[in-house]
Amino acid sequence: MPEVSYIVLLVFAVVLTSLGVAGLGLSWVDWHRQRRSVDHDPHPVMTPSPAALAAVGTNRDSERKETRLARRLIAGDLKPAQYHQRMADLAAQDGRGHPLVGPPDCGGWLA
C-alpha cells in the first residue's frame, strides 16, 4: 500500500509542476503581447533642452581636440610629456567651462 501513496504523490507533483509551467508560459505570452502592442512606445521621443545641445556640441569639440592630440602622439609628432601637458590643459579648460558640481554635504553617516 505504501507504493500507491508514493505514486499518488508523484502524480500530484507532476500535475502541480505542469500547471505552474503552463501558468508561467501564459503570463509570458501576455507580457510579450503587451510589449509589442502598437500603443506601447518603448522609446518616447524627447526634445533636448538648448543647454543640453550646447553641452553636447562643446563635448564634441573637446573630443575632436583629444583625438587630434592622440593621432599626433601615435604619429610621433608629440612627445608623451607634451601630450600629457596638452591633455591637462584641455581638462582644465573643460573644467572652467563646465565645472563639476557635487551634492551638498548634509552631514551624512560618513561625516
PDB file of N, CA and C in Angstrom:
ATOM      1  N   MET A   1       0.802  -1.198   0.000  1.00  0.00           N
ATOM      2  CA  MET A   1       0.000   0.000   0.000  1.00  0.00           C
ATOM      3  C   MET A   1       0.852   1.274   0.000  1.00  0.00           C
ATOM      4  N   PRO A   2       2.067   1.265   0.597  1.00  0.00           N
ATOM      5  CA  PRO A   2       2.883   2.473   0.582  1.00  0.00           C
ATOM      6  C   PRO A   2       3.271   2.885  -0.837  1.00  0.00           C
ATOM      7  N   GLU A   3       3.380   1.904  -1.768  1.00  0.00           N
ATOM      8  CA  GLU A   3       3.732   2.257  -3.146  1.00  0.00           C
ATOM      9  C   GLU A   3       2.638   3.090  -3.789  1.00  0.00           C
ATOM     10  N   VAL A   4       1.392   2.849  -3.437  1.00  0.00           N
ATOM     11  CA  VAL A   4       0.275   3.601  -4.007  1.00  0.00           C
ATOM     12  C   VAL A   4       0.350   5.059  -3.556  1.00  0.00           C
ATOM     13  N   SER A   5       0.689   5.316  -2.312  1.00  0.00           N
ATOM     14  CA  SER A   5       0.771   6.693  -1.826  1.00  0.00           C
ATOM     15  C   SER A   5       1.941   7.431  -2.505  1.00  0.00           C
ATOM     16  N   TYR A   6       3.038   6.737  -2.767  1.00  0.00           N
ATOM     17  CA  TYR A   6       4.140   7.362  -3.489  1.00  0.00           C
ATOM     18  C   TYR A   6       3.742   7.695  -4.922  1.00  0.00           C
ATOM     19  N   ILE A   7       2.991   6.815  -5.551  1.00  0.00           N
ATOM     20  CA  ILE A   7       2.534   7.053  -6.926  1.00  0.00           C
ATOM     21  C   ILE A   7       1.578   8.236  -6.948  1.00  0.00           C
ATOM     22  N   VAL A   8       0.656   8.306  -5.990  1.00  0.00           N
ATOM     23  CA  VAL A   8      -0.293   9.423  -5.925  1.00  0.00           C
ATOM     24  C   VAL A   8       0.471  10.724  -5.694  1.00  0.00           C
ATOM     25  N   LEU A   9       1.450  10.706  -4.797  1.00  0.00           N
ATOM     26  CA  LEU A   9       2.259  11.888  -4.526  1.00  0.00           C
ATOM     27  C   LEU A   9       3.043  12.310  -5.767  1.00  0.00           C
ATOM     28  N   LEU A  10       3.577  11.346  -6.487  1.00  0.00           N
ATOM     29  CA  LEU A  10       4.317  11.640  -7.711  1.00  0.00           C
ATOM     30  C   LEU A  10       3.403  12.239  -8.766  1.00  0.00           C
ATOM     31  N   VAL A  11       2.220  11.685  -8.957  1.00  0.00           N
ATOM     32  CA  VAL A  11       1.261  12.215  -9.936  1.00  0.00           C
ATOM     33  C   VAL A  11       0.857  13.634  -9.545  1.00  0.00           C
ATOM     34  N   PHE A  12       0.602  13.842  -8.254  1.00  0.00           N
ATOM     35  CA  PHE A  12       0.231  15.169  -7.773  1.00  0.00           C
ATOM     36  C   PHE A  12       1.349  16.184  -8.051  1.00  0.00           C
ATOM     37  N   ALA A  13       2.594  15.801  -7.808  1.00  0.00           N
ATOM     38  CA  ALA A  13       3.727  16.695  -8.046  1.00  0.00           C
ATOM     39  C   ALA A  13       3.873  17.017  -9.530  1.00  0.00           C
ATOM     40  N   VAL A  14       3.690  16.015 -10.383  1.00  0.00           N
ATOM     41  CA  VAL A  14       3.802  16.239 -11.828  1.00  0.00           C
ATOM     42  C   VAL A  14       2.699  17.171 -12.305  1.00  0.00           C
ATOM     43  N   VAL A  15       1.466  16.960 -11.841  1.00  0.00           N
ATOM     44  CA  VAL A  15       0.342  17.812 -12.248  1.00  0.00           C
ATOM     45  C   VAL A  15       0.569  19.236 -11.757  1.00  0.00           C
ATOM     46  N   LEU A  16       0.996  19.404 -10.514  1.00  0.00           N
ATOM     47  CA  LEU A  16       1.232  20.730  -9.954  1.00  0.00           C
ATOM     48  C   LEU A  16       2.344  21.455 -10.711  1.00  0.00           C
ATOM     49  N   THR A  17       3.407  20.744 -11.029  1.00  0.00           N
ATOM     50  CA  THR A  17       4.512  21.335 -11.792  1.00  0.00           C
ATOM     51  C   THR A  17       4.049  21.735 -13.187  1.00  0.00           C
ATOM     52  N   SER A  18       3.254  20.893 -13.829  1.00  0.00           N
ATOM     53  CA  SER A  18       2.746  21.197 -15.172  1.00  0.00           C
ATOM     54  C   SER A  18       1.864  22.435 -15.148  1.00  0.00           C
ATOM     55  N   LEU A  19       1.015  22.555 -14.143  1.00  0.00           N
ATOM     56  CA  LEU A  19       0.160  23.736 -14.043  1.00  0.00           C
ATOM     57  C   LEU A  19       0.987  24.994 -13.815  1.00  0.00           C
ATOM     58  N   GLY A  20       2.016  24.892 -13.008  1.00  0.00           N
ATOM     59  CA  GLY A  20       2.888  26.043 -12.773  1.00  0.00           C
ATOM     60  C   GLY A  20       3.619  26.477 -14.027  1.00  0.00           C
ATOM     61  N   VAL A  21       4.140  25.514 -14.766  1.00  0.00           N
ATOM     62  CA  VAL A  21       4.848  25.831 -16.012  1.00  0.00           C
ATOM     63  C   VAL A  21       3.882  26.432 -17.034  1.00  0.00           C
ATOM     64  N   ALA A  22       2.680  25.883 -17.140  1.00  0.00           N
ATOM     65  CA  ALA A  22       1.685  26.410 -18.075  1.00  0.00           C
ATOM     66  C   ALA A  22       1.299  27.834 -17.683  1.00  0.00           C
ATOM     67  N   GLY A  23       1.135  28.100 -16.388  1.00  0.00           N
ATOM     68  CA  GLY A  23       0.787  29.448 -15.937  1.00  0.00           C
ATOM     69  C   GLY A  23       1.876  30.451 -16.244  1.00  0.00           C
ATOM     70  N   LEU A  24       3.124  30.051 -16.025  1.00  0.00           N
ATOM     71  CA  LEU A  24       4.235  30.952 -16.351  1.00  0.00           C
ATOM     72  C   LEU A  24       4.308  31.209 -17.853  1.00  0.00           C
ATOM     73  N   GLY A  25       4.077  30.171 -18.632  1.00  0.00           N
ATOM     74  CA  GLY A  25       4.114  30.326 -20.083  1.00  0.00           C
ATOM     75  C   GLY A  25       3.041  31.279 -20.569  1.00  0.00           C
ATOM     76  N   LEU A  26       1.839  31.154 -20.030  1.00  0.00           N
ATOM     77  CA  LEU A  26       0.752  32.039 -20.450  1.00  0.00           C
ATOM     78  C   LEU A  26       1.005  33.475 -20.008  1.00  0.00           C
ATOM     79  N   SER A  27       1.549  33.660 -18.820  1.00  0.00           N
ATOM     80  CA  SER A  27       1.826  35.026 -18.375  1.00  0.00           C
ATOM     81  C   SER A  27       2.942  35.639 -19.217  1.00  0.00           C
ATOM     82  N   TRP A  28       3.916  34.830 -19.648  1.00  0.00           N
ATOM     83  CA  TRP A  28       4.976  35.348 -20.503  1.00  0.00           C
ATOM     84  C   TRP A  28       4.414  35.773 -21.851  1.00  0.00           C
ATOM     85  N   VAL A  29       3.509  34.983 -22.408  1.00  0.00           N
ATOM     86  CA  VAL A  29       2.897  35.316 -23.697  1.00  0.00           C
ATOM     87  C   VAL A  29       2.129  36.620 -23.575  1.00  0.00           C
ATOM     88  N   ASP A  30       1.371  36.785 -22.487  1.00  0.00           N
ATOM     89  CA  ASP A  30       0.603  38.006 -22.280  1.00  0.00           C
ATOM     90  C   ASP A  30       1.538  39.204 -22.146  1.00  0.00           C
ATOM     91  N   TRP A  31       2.628  39.048 -21.382  1.00  0.00           N
ATOM     92  CA  TRP A  31       3.597  40.123 -21.212  1.00  0.00           C
ATOM     93  C   TRP A  31       4.224  40.488 -22.554  1.00  0.00           C
ATOM     94  N   HIS A  32       4.563  39.486 -23.357  1.00  0.00           N
ATOM     95  CA  HIS A  32       5.190  39.718 -24.660  1.00  0.00           C
ATOM     96  C   HIS A  32       4.239  40.459 -25.589  1.00  0.00           C
ATOM     97  N   ARG A  33       2.958  40.114 -25.555  1.00  0.00           N
ATOM     98  CA  ARG A  33       1.970  40.807 -26.399  1.00  0.00           C
ATOM     99  C   ARG A  33       1.848  42.267 -25.994  1.00  0.00           C
ATOM    100  N   GLN A  34       1.852  42.544 -24.713  1.00  0.00           N
ATOM    101  CA  GLN A  34       1.739  43.922 -24.255  1.00  0.00           C
ATOM    102  C   GLN A  34       2.940  44.744 -24.698  1.00  0.00           C
ATOM    103  N   ARG A  35       4.106  44.152 -24.676  1.00  0.00           N
ATOM    104  CA  ARG A  35       5.298  44.892 -25.113  1.00  0.00           C
ATOM    105  C   ARG A  35       5.279  45.184 -26.594  1.00  0.00           C
ATOM    106  N   ARG A  36       4.655  44.331 -27.372  1.00  0.00           N
ATOM    107  CA  ARG A  36       4.643  44.513 -28.822  1.00  0.00           C
ATOM    108  C   ARG A  36       3.417  45.263 -29.315  1.00  0.00           C
ATOM    109  N   SER A  37       2.552  45.688 -28.415  1.00  0.00           N
ATOM    110  CA  SER A  37       1.332  46.360 -28.857  1.00  0.00           C
ATOM    111  C   SER A  37       1.680  47.690 -29.507  1.00  0.00           C
ATOM    112  N   VAL A  38       0.800  48.152 -30.369  1.00  0.00           N
ATOM    113  CA  VAL A  38       1.037  49.380 -31.116  1.00  0.00           C
ATOM    114  C   VAL A  38       0.992  50.590 -30.186  1.00  0.00           C
ATOM    115  N   ASP A  39       0.168  50.533 -29.161  1.00  0.00           N
ATOM    116  CA  ASP A  39       0.004  51.675 -28.271  1.00  0.00           C
ATOM    117  C   ASP A  39       1.219  51.893 -27.373  1.00  0.00           C
ATOM    118  N   HIS A  40       1.979  50.864 -27.127  1.00  0.00           N
ATOM    119  CA  HIS A  40       3.123  50.957 -26.215  1.00  0.00           C
ATOM    120  C   HIS A  40       4.359  51.373 -26.993  1.00  0.00           C
ATOM    121  N   ASP A  41       4.907  52.556 -26.667  1.00  0.00           N
ATOM    122  CA  ASP A  41       6.124  53.036 -27.321  1.00  0.00           C
ATOM    123  C   ASP A  41       7.272  52.924 -26.327  1.00  0.00           C
ATOM    124  N   PRO A  42       8.199  51.971 -26.517  1.00  0.00           N
ATOM    125  CA  PRO A  42       9.275  51.798 -25.555  1.00  0.00           C
ATOM    126  C   PRO A  42      10.292  52.935 -25.567  1.00  0.00           C
ATOM    127  N   HIS A  43      10.335  53.712 -26.643  1.00  0.00           N
ATOM    128  CA  HIS A  43      11.295  54.802 -26.764  1.00  0.00           C
ATOM    129  C   HIS A  43      10.561  56.105 -27.066  1.00  0.00           C
ATOM    130  N   PRO A  44      10.040  56.792 -26.058  1.00  0.00           N
ATOM    131  CA  PRO A  44       9.338  58.038 -26.331  1.00  0.00           C
ATOM    132  C   PRO A  44      10.294  59.093 -26.867  1.00  0.00           C
ATOM    133  N   VAL A  45       9.793  59.948 -27.732  1.00  0.00           N
ATOM    134  CA  VAL A  45      10.606  60.998 -28.330  1.00  0.00           C
ATOM    135  C   VAL A  45      10.678  62.164 -27.355  1.00  0.00           C
ATOM    136  N   MET A  46      11.896  62.547 -27.021  1.00  0.00           N
ATOM    137  CA  MET A  46      12.094  63.673 -26.114  1.00  0.00           C
ATOM    138  C   MET A  46      12.939  64.721 -26.816  1.00  0.00           C
ATOM    139  N   THR A  47      12.568  65.978 -26.635  1.00  0.00           N
ATOM    140  CA  THR A  47      13.314  67.065 -27.227  1.00  0.00           C
ATOM    141  C   THR A  47      14.333  67.564 -26.209  1.00  0.00           C
ATOM    142  N   PRO A  48      15.605  67.545 -26.553  1.00  0.00           N
ATOM    143  CA  PRO A  48      16.616  68.007 -25.597  1.00  0.00           C
ATOM    144  C   PRO A  48      16.551  69.526 -25.416  1.00  0.00           C
ATOM    145  N   SER A  49      16.966  69.987 -24.265  1.00  0.00           N
ATOM    146  CA  SER A  49      16.965  71.419 -23.983  1.00  0.00           C
ATOM    147  C   SER A  49      18.109  72.085 -24.745  1.00  0.00           C
ATOM    148  N   PRO A  50      18.004  73.388 -24.986  1.00  0.00           N
ATOM    149  CA  PRO A  50      19.100  74.089 -25.674  1.00  0.00           C
ATOM    150  C   PRO A  50      20.424  73.993 -24.914  1.00  0.00           C
ATOM    151  N   ALA A  51      20.360  73.991 -23.577  1.00  0.00           N
ATOM    152  CA  ALA A  51      21.600  73.885 -22.797  1.00  0.00           C
ATOM    153  C   ALA A  51      22.253  72.522 -23.016  1.00  0.00           C
ATOM    154  N   ALA A  52      21.431  71.469 -23.108  1.00  0.00           N
ATOM    155  CA  ALA A  52      21.977  70.133 -23.340  1.00  0.00           C
ATOM    156  C   ALA A  52      22.615  70.052 -24.724  1.00  0.00           C
ATOM    157  N   LEU A  53      21.964  70.656 -25.717  1.00  0.00           N
ATOM    158  CA  LEU A  53      22.533  70.653 -27.074  1.00  0.00           C
ATOM    159  C   LEU A  53      23.859  71.408 -27.117  1.00  0.00           C
ATOM    160  N   ALA A  54      23.931  72.525 -26.391  1.00  0.00           N
ATOM    161  CA  ALA A  54      25.179  73.294 -26.368  1.00  0.00           C
ATOM    162  C   ALA A  54      26.283  72.498 -25.687  1.00  0.00           C
ATOM    163  N   ALA A  55      25.933  71.780 -24.610  1.00  0.00           N
ATOM    164  CA  ALA A  55      26.936  70.983 -23.898  1.00  0.00           C
ATOM    165  C   ALA A  55      27.457  69.855 -24.776  1.00  0.00           C
ATOM    166  N   VAL A  56      26.567  69.235 -25.547  1.00  0.00           N
ATOM    167  CA  VAL A  56      26.989  68.149 -26.436  1.00  0.00           C
ATOM    168  C   VAL A  56      27.915  68.685 -27.513  1.00  0.00           C
ATOM    169  N   GLY A  57      27.583  69.856 -28.055  1.00  0.00           N
ATOM    170  CA  GLY A  57      28.441  70.455 -29.080  1.00  0.00           C
ATOM    171  C   GLY A  57      29.820  70.763 -28.541  1.00  0.00           C
ATOM    172  N   THR A  58      29.885  71.292 -27.319  1.00  0.00           N
ATOM    173  CA  THR A  58      31.164  71.591 -26.695  1.00  0.00           C
ATOM    174  C   THR A  58      31.941  70.317 -26.430  1.00  0.00           C
ATOM    175  N   ASN A  59      31.239  69.276 -25.993  1.00  0.00           N
ATOM    176  CA  ASN A  59      31.880  67.999 -25.710  1.00  0.00           C
ATOM    177  C   ASN A  59      32.485  67.422 -26.982  1.00  0.00           C
ATOM    178  N   ARG A  60      31.764  67.533 -28.081  1.00  0.00           N
ATOM    179  CA  ARG A  60      32.300  67.022 -29.354  1.00  0.00           C
ATOM    180  C   ARG A  60      33.562  67.776 -29.748  1.00  0.00           C
ATOM    181  N   ASP A  61      33.572  69.087 -29.492  1.00  0.00           N
ATOM    182  CA  ASP A  61      34.757  69.882 -29.790  1.00  0.00           C
ATOM    183  C   ASP A  61      35.955  69.384 -28.994  1.00  0.00           C
ATOM    184  N   SER A  62      35.736  69.128 -27.704  1.00  0.00           N
ATOM    185  CA  SER A  62      36.821  68.632 -26.857  1.00  0.00           C
ATOM    186  C   SER A  62      37.289  67.263 -27.322  1.00  0.00           C
ATOM    187  N   GLU A  63      36.338  66.415 -27.701  1.00  0.00           N
ATOM    188  CA  GLU A  63      36.715  65.081 -28.174  1.00  0.00           C
ATOM    189  C   GLU A  63      37.536  65.176 -29.446  1.00  0.00           C
ATOM    190  N   ARG A  64      37.201  66.112 -30.320  1.00  0.00           N
ATOM    191  CA  ARG A  64      37.985  66.280 -31.550  1.00  0.00           C
ATOM    192  C   ARG A  64      39.419  66.691 -31.218  1.00  0.00           C
ATOM    193  N   LYS A  65      39.548  67.609 -30.255  1.00  0.00           N
ATOM    194  CA  LYS A  65      40.889  68.054 -29.868  1.00  0.00           C
ATOM    195  C   LYS A  65      41.681  66.896 -29.266  1.00  0.00           C
ATOM    196  N   GLU A  66      41.018  66.107 -28.430  1.00  0.00           N
ATOM    197  CA  GLU A  66      41.695  64.954 -27.824  1.00  0.00           C
ATOM    198  C   GLU A  66      42.093  63.935 -28.890  1.00  0.00           C
ATOM    199  N   THR A  67      41.215  63.741 -29.861  1.00  0.00           N
ATOM    200  CA  THR A  67      41.512  62.802 -30.947  1.00  0.00           C
ATOM    201  C   THR A  67      42.717  63.281 -31.753  1.00  0.00           C
ATOM    202  N   ARG A  68      42.763  64.579 -32.041  1.00  0.00           N
ATOM    203  CA  ARG A  68      43.915  65.114 -32.789  1.00  0.00           C
ATOM    204  C   ARG A  68      45.208  64.940 -32.004  1.00  0.00           C
ATOM    205  N   LEU A  69      45.137  65.187 -30.695  1.00  0.00           N
ATOM    206  CA  LEU A  69      46.344  65.003 -29.875  1.00  0.00           C
ATOM    207  C   LEU A  69      46.787  63.539 -29.869  1.00  0.00           C
ATOM    208  N   ALA A  70      45.833  62.629 -29.765  1.00  0.00           N
ATOM    209  CA  ALA A  70      46.177  61.200 -29.766  1.00  0.00           C
ATOM    210  C   ALA A  70      46.797  60.793 -31.097  1.00  0.00           C
ATOM    211  N   ARG A  71      46.246  61.304 -32.187  1.00  0.00           N
ATOM    212  CA  ARG A  71      46.820  60.980 -33.505  1.00  0.00           C
ATOM    213  C   ARG A  71      48.248  61.493 -33.621  1.00  0.00           C
ATOM    214  N   ARG A  72      48.472  62.715 -33.126  1.00  0.00           N
ATOM    215  CA  ARG A  72      49.815  63.277 -33.195  1.00  0.00           C
ATOM    216  C   ARG A  72      50.788  62.491 -32.322  1.00  0.00           C
ATOM    217  N   LEU A  73      50.308  62.010 -31.172  1.00  0.00           N
ATOM    218  CA  LEU A  73      51.163  61.200 -30.302  1.00  0.00           C
ATOM    219  C   LEU A  73      51.533  59.894 -30.990  1.00  0.00           C
ATOM    220  N   ILE A  74      50.546  59.232 -31.597  1.00  0.00           N
ATOM    221  CA  ILE A  74      50.791  57.958 -32.278  1.00  0.00           C
ATOM    222  C   ILE A  74      51.714  58.143 -33.478  1.00  0.00           C
ATOM    223  N   ALA A  75      51.526  59.269 -34.189  1.00  0.00           N
ATOM    224  CA  ALA A  75      52.356  59.527 -35.365  1.00  0.00           C
ATOM    225  C   ALA A  75      53.781  59.926 -34.985  1.00  0.00           C
ATOM    226  N   GLY A  76      54.015  60.263 -33.709  1.00  0.00           N
ATOM    227  CA  GLY A  76      55.351  60.645 -33.281  1.00  0.00           C
ATOM    228  C   GLY A  76      55.596  62.137 -33.347  1.00  0.00           C
ATOM    229  N   ASP A  77      54.568  62.943 -33.673  1.00  0.00           N
ATOM    230  CA  ASP A  77      54.713  64.396 -33.735  1.00  0.00           C
ATOM    231  C   ASP A  77      54.772  65.022 -32.339  1.00  0.00           C
ATOM    232  N   LEU A  78      54.247  64.327 -31.334  1.00  0.00           N
ATOM    233  CA  LEU A  78      54.254  64.816 -29.948  1.00  0.00           C
ATOM    234  C   LEU A  78      54.999  63.835 -29.059  1.00  0.00           C
ATOM    235  N   LYS A  79      55.762  64.378 -28.125  1.00  0.00           N
ATOM    236  CA  LYS A  79      56.387  63.534 -27.123  1.00  0.00           C
ATOM    237  C   LYS A  79      55.339  63.237 -26.060  1.00  0.00           C
ATOM    238  N   PRO A  80      55.466  62.124 -25.335  1.00  0.00           N
ATOM    239  CA  PRO A  80      54.474  61.796 -24.294  1.00  0.00           C
ATOM    240  C   PRO A  80      54.277  62.909 -23.267  1.00  0.00           C
ATOM    241  N   ALA A  81      55.362  63.592 -22.877  1.00  0.00           N
ATOM    242  CA  ALA A  81      55.231  64.675 -21.896  1.00  0.00           C
ATOM    243  C   ALA A  81      54.402  65.827 -22.465  1.00  0.00           C
ATOM    244  N   GLN A  82      54.623  66.137 -23.753  1.00  0.00           N
ATOM    245  CA  GLN A  82      53.833  67.199 -24.393  1.00  0.00           C
ATOM    246  C   GLN A  82      52.363  66.798 -24.475  1.00  0.00           C
ATOM    247  N   TYR A  83      52.129  65.525 -24.794  1.00  0.00           N
ATOM    248  CA  TYR A  83      50.751  65.024 -24.878  1.00  0.00           C
ATOM    249  C   TYR A  83      50.055  65.154 -23.522  1.00  0.00           C
ATOM    250  N   HIS A  84      50.738  64.742 -22.463  1.00  0.00           N
ATOM    251  CA  HIS A  84      50.144  64.823 -21.126  1.00  0.00           C
ATOM    252  C   HIS A  84      49.852  66.280 -20.741  1.00  0.00           C
ATOM    253  N   GLN A  85      50.785  67.176 -21.063  1.00  0.00           N
ATOM    254  CA  GLN A  85      50.588  68.586 -20.726  1.00  0.00           C
ATOM    255  C   GLN A  85      49.396  69.163 -21.492  1.00  0.00           C
ATOM    256  N   ARG A  86      49.300  68.860 -22.765  1.00  0.00           N
ATOM    257  CA  ARG A  86      48.187  69.402 -23.559  1.00  0.00           C
ATOM    258  C   ARG A  86      46.844  68.795 -23.148  1.00  0.00           C
ATOM    259  N   MET A  87      46.851  67.519 -22.768  1.00  0.00           N
ATOM    260  CA  MET A  87      45.614  66.919 -22.266  1.00  0.00           C
ATOM    261  C   MET A  87      45.207  67.555 -20.940  1.00  0.00           C
ATOM    262  N   ALA A  88      46.195  67.873 -20.092  1.00  0.00           N
ATOM    263  CA  ALA A  88      45.902  68.554 -18.827  1.00  0.00           C
ATOM    264  C   ALA A  88      45.340  69.947 -19.085  1.00  0.00           C
ATOM    265  N   ASP A  89      45.888  70.617 -20.088  1.00  0.00           N
ATOM    266  CA  ASP A  89      45.363  71.945 -20.451  1.00  0.00           C
ATOM    267  C   ASP A  89      43.916  71.848 -20.937  1.00  0.00           C
ATOM    268  N   LEU A  90      43.637  70.833 -21.753  1.00  0.00           N
ATOM    269  CA  LEU A  90      42.258  70.631 -22.229  1.00  0.00           C
ATOM    270  C   LEU A  90      41.311  70.329 -21.066  1.00  0.00           C
ATOM    271  N   ALA A  91      41.765  69.520 -20.129  1.00  0.00           N
ATOM    272  CA  ALA A  91      40.923  69.187 -18.972  1.00  0.00           C
ATOM    273  C   ALA A  91      40.664  70.426 -18.126  1.00  0.00           C
ATOM    274  N   ALA A  92      41.676  71.248 -17.936  1.00  0.00           N
ATOM    275  CA  ALA A  92      41.496  72.476 -17.156  1.00  0.00           C
ATOM    276  C   ALA A  92      40.541  73.424 -17.863  1.00  0.00           C
ATOM    277  N   GLN A  93      40.680  73.531 -19.175  1.00  0.00           N
ATOM    278  CA  GLN A  93      39.782  74.385 -19.966  1.00  0.00           C
ATOM    279  C   GLN A  93      38.346  73.870 -19.872  1.00  0.00           C
ATOM    280  N   ASP A  94      38.187  72.565 -19.950  1.00  0.00           N
ATOM    281  CA  ASP A  94      36.854  71.972 -19.842  1.00  0.00           C
ATOM    282  C   ASP A  94      36.282  72.183 -18.436  1.00  0.00           C
ATOM    283  N   GLY A  95      37.135  72.108 -17.421  1.00  0.00           N
ATOM    284  CA  GLY A  95      36.685  72.331 -16.049  1.00  0.00           C
ATOM    285  C   GLY A  95      36.226  73.758 -15.808  1.00  0.00           C
ATOM    286  N   ARG A  96      36.886  74.707 -16.460  1.00  0.00           N
ATOM    287  CA  ARG A  96      36.445  76.102 -16.337  1.00  0.00           C
ATOM    288  C   ARG A  96      35.120  76.311 -17.052  1.00  0.00           C
ATOM    289  N   GLY A  97      34.958  75.686 -18.203  1.00  0.00           N
ATOM    290  CA  GLY A  97      33.729  75.859 -18.982  1.00  0.00           C
ATOM    291  C   GLY A  97      32.550  75.083 -18.426  1.00  0.00           C
ATOM    292  N   HIS A  98      32.813  73.918 -17.860  1.00  0.00           N
ATOM    293  CA  HIS A  98      31.761  73.051 -17.318  1.00  0.00           C
ATOM    294  C   HIS A  98      32.200  72.530 -15.958  1.00  0.00           C
ATOM    295  N   PRO A  99      32.084  73.357 -14.929  1.00  0.00           N
ATOM    296  CA  PRO A  99      32.540  72.892 -13.617  1.00  0.00           C
ATOM    297  C   PRO A  99      31.682  71.737 -13.111  1.00  0.00           C
ATOM    298  N   LEU A 100      32.337  70.832 -12.407  1.00  0.00           N
ATOM    299  CA  LEU A 100      31.654  69.678 -11.834  1.00  0.00           C
ATOM    300  C   LEU A 100      31.071  70.079 -10.491  1.00  0.00           C
ATOM    301  N   VAL A 101      29.756  69.951 -10.365  1.00  0.00           N
ATOM    302  CA  VAL A 101      29.085  70.339  -9.140  1.00  0.00           C
ATOM    303  C   VAL A 101      28.624  69.082  -8.438  1.00  0.00           C
ATOM    304  N   GLY A 102      29.053  68.917  -7.190  1.00  0.00           N
ATOM    305  CA  GLY A 102      28.668  67.752  -6.405  1.00  0.00           C
ATOM    306  C   GLY A 102      27.498  68.081  -5.497  1.00  0.00           C
ATOM    307  N   PRO A 103      26.911  67.061  -4.914  1.00  0.00           N
ATOM    308  CA  PRO A 103      25.798  67.301  -3.997  1.00  0.00           C
ATOM    309  C   PRO A 103      26.298  67.972  -2.722  1.00  0.00           C
ATOM    310  N   PRO A 104      25.423  68.723  -2.056  1.00  0.00           N
ATOM    311  CA  PRO A 104      25.855  69.381  -0.818  1.00  0.00           C
ATOM    312  C   PRO A 104      26.110  68.360   0.278  1.00  0.00           C
ATOM    313  N   ASP A 105      27.001  68.702   1.195  1.00  0.00           N
ATOM    314  CA  ASP A 105      27.302  67.819   2.316  1.00  0.00           C
ATOM    315  C   ASP A 105      26.238  68.014   3.377  1.00  0.00           C
ATOM    316  N   CYS A 106      25.469  66.980   3.624  1.00  0.00           N
ATOM    317  CA  CYS A 106      24.364  67.046   4.574  1.00  0.00           C
ATOM    318  C   CYS A 106      24.734  66.419   5.922  1.00  0.00           C
ATOM    319  N   GLY A 107      25.999  66.185   6.174  1.00  0.00           N
ATOM    320  CA  GLY A 107      26.419  65.577   7.430  1.00  0.00           C
ATOM    321  C   GLY A 107      25.902  64.160   7.562  1.00  0.00           C
ATOM    322  N   GLY A 108      26.057  63.391   6.487  1.00  0.00           N
ATOM    323  CA  GLY A 108      25.555  62.013   6.464  1.00  0.00           C
ATOM    324  C   GLY A 108      26.363  61.094   7.368  1.00  0.00           C
ATOM    325  N   TRP A 109      26.204  59.826   7.187  1.00  0.00           N
ATOM    326  CA  TRP A 109      26.813  58.831   8.044  1.00  0.00           C
ATOM    327  C   TRP A 109      28.330  58.755   7.886  1.00  0.00           C
ATOM    328  N   LEU A 110      28.868  59.321   6.802  1.00  0.00           N
ATOM    329  CA  LEU A 110      30.328  59.320   6.627  1.00  0.00           C
ATOM    330  C   LEU A 110      30.976  60.504   7.328  1.00  0.00           C
ATOM    331  N   ALA A 111      30.187  61.495   7.732  1.00  0.00           N
ATOM    332  CA  ALA A 111      30.735  62.706   8.341  1.00  0.00           C
ATOM    333  C   ALA A 111      31.286  62.452   9.726  1.00  0.00           C
TER     334      ALA A 111
END
